[in-house]
Amino acid sequence: MGRCGVVSSPTRVGHAKLVVAAGLAFVLASCAPASTSVAAPAAASEATTACPTDAFDVFIERFGREIAFQELTTADPLVIERYDAAAEPEPRRVVEEIAVADIAWPVMPRLDPDDDGRRTHAFIPTADGRMEVHVRWPDTSDQQRYVFGRAPCWQLQRVIDDSI
């Protein structure tokens, strides 16, 4: 008999040593400093910045079609430029920042041809890498420009309503 009334056997002692060693390994692992590897944060960063698409034509088709996608890919706040036709002595340009929660959706119409085929649209690249979508109804002042930029993915950043 061993001490304290415990029978010691070679297998029982070996098992006890294994349990103690495993426990120490666990304690030491939990006390180890955080990894300094850049692979894990880089992978997490890539996952959070994965864009739905890099191709603007694919992005804008979905943006015009899905209101939920518009809500996800619109800057907060969104800059809206418009004319105040009631201003005196003449209409004046007004610039506002609107919180996404306060936007009336859809913010941009579908780019499909309208019923009478008169509404037109064009994609215009800008010098700073943005894209503008011009939506026009010929022979009217009803004209809007939608400005999209990368932050880091495509998003609507500004609406310019040139209608009076």
Protein backbone atom coordinates (compact mmCIF):
# COMPACT_ATOMS: atom_id res chain seq x y z
CA MET A 1 0.00 0.00 0.00
CA GLY A 2 1.16 3.43 -0.78
CA ARG A 3 0.78 6.50 1.31
CA CYS A 4 -2.68 7.68 2.44
CA GLY A 5 -4.20 4.27 1.84
CA VAL A 6 -3.92 4.46 -1.98
CA VAL A 7 -2.68 1.43 -3.81
CA SER A 8 -0.04 2.42 -6.33
CA SER A 9 0.36 0.46 -9.49
CA PRO A 10 2.62 1.24 -12.43
CA THR A 11 -0.35 1.77 -14.79
CA ARG A 12 -2.24 3.95 -12.34
CA VAL A 13 0.86 6.13 -11.76
CA GLY A 14 1.43 6.40 -15.51
CA HIS A 15 -2.19 7.42 -16.05
CA ALA A 16 -1.96 10.03 -13.28
CA LYS A 17 1.20 11.50 -14.86
CA LEU A 18 -0.57 11.67 -18.22
CA VAL A 19 -3.56 13.50 -16.69
CA VAL A 20 -1.26 15.97 -14.91
CA ALA A 21 0.77 16.57 -18.08
CA ALA A 22 -2.39 17.17 -20.12
CA GLY A 23 -3.70 19.58 -17.48
CA LEU A 24 -0.44 21.53 -17.45
CA ALA A 25 -0.42 21.72 -21.23
CA PHE A 26 -3.95 23.13 -21.18
CA VAL A 27 -3.07 25.72 -18.51
CA LEU A 28 0.07 26.79 -20.34
CA ALA A 29 -1.77 27.09 -23.65
CA SER A 30 -4.42 29.32 -22.10
CA CYS A 31 -1.72 31.57 -20.63
CA ALA A 32 0.19 31.91 -23.90
CA PRO A 33 0.19 35.39 -25.44
CA ALA A 34 -2.02 36.02 -28.47
CA SER A 35 -0.57 34.96 -31.76
CA THR A 36 1.40 37.58 -33.60
CA SER A 37 0.65 35.93 -36.91
CA VAL A 38 -0.75 38.30 -39.52
CA ALA A 39 -2.44 35.47 -41.41
CA ALA A 40 -5.49 35.27 -39.14
CA PRO A 41 -6.26 39.03 -39.04
CA ALA A 42 -5.63 39.27 -42.77
CA ALA A 43 -8.08 36.47 -43.44
CA ALA A 44 -10.66 38.10 -41.18
CA SER A 45 -10.10 41.44 -42.91
CA GLU A 46 -10.55 39.85 -46.34
CA ALA A 47 -13.77 38.22 -45.19
CA THR A 48 -15.23 41.51 -43.94
CA THR A 49 -14.25 43.42 -47.09
CA ALA A 50 -15.34 40.83 -49.63
CA CYS A 51 -17.38 42.76 -52.17
CA PRO A 52 -20.46 41.30 -53.85
CA THR A 53 -18.86 42.14 -57.21
CA ASP A 54 -16.05 44.24 -58.63
CA ALA A 55 -17.72 44.66 -62.02
CA PHE A 56 -19.77 47.86 -61.99
CA ASP A 57 -22.21 46.68 -64.67
CA VAL A 58 -23.10 43.61 -62.58
CA PHE A 59 -23.31 45.72 -59.40
CA ILE A 60 -25.56 48.40 -60.91
CA GLU A 61 -27.96 45.88 -62.44
CA ARG A 62 -28.47 44.32 -59.00
CA PHE A 63 -28.61 47.74 -57.32
CA GLY A 64 -31.46 48.83 -59.57
CA ARG A 65 -33.33 45.54 -59.13
CA GLU A 66 -33.10 44.86 -55.35
CA ILE A 67 -34.16 47.37 -52.72
CA ALA A 68 -32.49 45.33 -49.95
CA PHE A 69 -29.22 45.52 -51.91
CA GLN A 70 -29.67 49.30 -52.25
CA GLU A 71 -30.04 49.56 -48.48
CA LEU A 72 -26.80 47.61 -47.94
CA THR A 73 -24.75 49.49 -50.53
CA THR A 74 -25.75 53.11 -49.89
CA ALA A 75 -23.46 55.44 -47.97
CA ASP A 76 -24.65 56.55 -44.54
CA PRO A 77 -25.27 59.43 -44.66
CA LEU A 78 -26.17 59.81 -48.33
CA VAL A 79 -25.50 63.22 -49.89
CA ILE A 80 -28.52 64.50 -51.84
CA GLU A 81 -28.31 67.58 -54.06
CA ARG A 82 -31.53 69.04 -55.43
CA TYR A 83 -33.14 72.29 -56.43
CA ASP A 84 -35.55 74.04 -54.09
CA ALA A 85 -38.07 75.28 -56.66
CA ALA A 86 -39.95 77.31 -54.03
CA ALA A 87 -36.88 79.38 -53.09
CA GLU A 88 -37.12 83.12 -53.77
CA PRO A 89 -36.23 84.97 -55.89
CA GLU A 90 -35.30 81.88 -57.93
CA PRO A 91 -34.69 78.14 -57.39
CA ARG A 92 -31.49 77.37 -55.50
CA ARG A 93 -29.35 74.26 -55.07
CA VAL A 94 -29.76 72.50 -51.71
CA VAL A 95 -27.31 69.91 -50.39
CA GLU A 96 -28.42 67.58 -47.59
CA GLU A 97 -26.99 64.56 -45.83
CA ILE A 98 -29.71 61.98 -45.25
CA ALA A 99 -29.33 59.03 -42.87
CA VAL A 100 -29.95 55.67 -44.52
CA ALA A 101 -32.78 55.06 -42.03
CA ASP A 102 -34.57 58.16 -43.40
CA ILE A 103 -34.28 57.37 -47.12
CA ALA A 104 -37.43 56.54 -49.09
CA TRP A 105 -36.67 53.34 -51.00
CA PRO A 106 -36.02 52.65 -53.80
CA VAL A 107 -33.46 55.44 -54.04
CA MET A 108 -32.84 54.76 -57.74
CA PRO A 109 -35.23 53.39 -60.36
CA ARG A 110 -34.66 50.14 -62.20
CA LEU A 111 -32.62 50.70 -65.32
CA ASP A 112 -34.90 48.55 -67.45
CA PRO A 113 -36.60 50.48 -70.25
CA ASP A 114 -39.72 52.20 -68.95
CA ASP A 115 -43.18 51.58 -70.40
CA ASP A 116 -42.95 54.13 -73.19
CA GLY A 117 -39.23 53.61 -73.83
CA ARG A 118 -38.37 57.29 -73.39
CA ARG A 119 -36.31 57.16 -70.21
CA THR A 120 -32.61 56.73 -70.92
CA HIS A 121 -29.58 56.02 -68.79
CA ALA A 122 -25.83 56.18 -69.27
CA PHE A 123 -22.80 55.09 -67.25
CA ILE A 124 -20.13 57.79 -67.07
CA PRO A 125 -16.71 57.08 -65.48
CA THR A 126 -15.19 60.04 -63.62
CA ALA A 127 -11.55 61.04 -63.31
CA ASP A 128 -11.43 60.03 -59.62
CA GLY A 129 -12.48 56.41 -60.33
CA ARG A 130 -16.15 56.82 -59.51
CA MET A 131 -19.05 55.99 -61.78
CA GLU A 132 -22.05 58.19 -62.47
CA VAL A 133 -25.35 56.82 -63.66
CA HIS A 134 -27.31 59.48 -65.55
CA VAL A 135 -31.05 58.85 -65.74
CA ARG A 136 -32.94 61.19 -68.06
CA TRP A 137 -36.39 61.71 -69.49
CA PRO A 138 -35.90 63.53 -72.80
CA ASP A 139 -37.57 66.91 -73.33
CA THR A 140 -38.09 67.41 -69.57
CA SER A 141 -36.03 68.72 -66.69
CA ASP A 142 -36.45 65.33 -64.99
CA GLN A 143 -32.81 64.28 -64.79
CA GLN A 144 -30.83 62.61 -62.01
CA ARG A 145 -27.24 61.60 -61.51
CA TYR A 146 -26.30 58.79 -59.13
CA VAL A 147 -22.65 58.84 -58.04
CA PHE A 148 -21.07 55.54 -57.01
CA GLY A 149 -17.63 55.08 -55.48
CA ARG A 150 -15.65 52.33 -53.81
CA ALA A 151 -15.40 52.34 -50.02
CA PRO A 152 -13.95 49.64 -50.41
CA CYS A 153 -16.89 48.13 -52.35
CA TRP A 154 -19.20 49.92 -54.76
CA GLN A 155 -21.75 52.08 -52.97
CA LEU A 156 -24.09 54.93 -53.80
CA GLN A 157 -22.49 58.06 -52.34
CA ARG A 158 -24.41 60.97 -53.84
CA VAL A 159 -27.66 61.68 -55.67
CA ILE A 160 -27.83 64.83 -57.79
CA ASP A 161 -31.36 65.69 -58.86
CA ASP A 162 -31.18 68.31 -61.63
CA SER A 163 -34.97 68.46 -61.96
CA ILE A 164 -36.72 71.76 -61.39
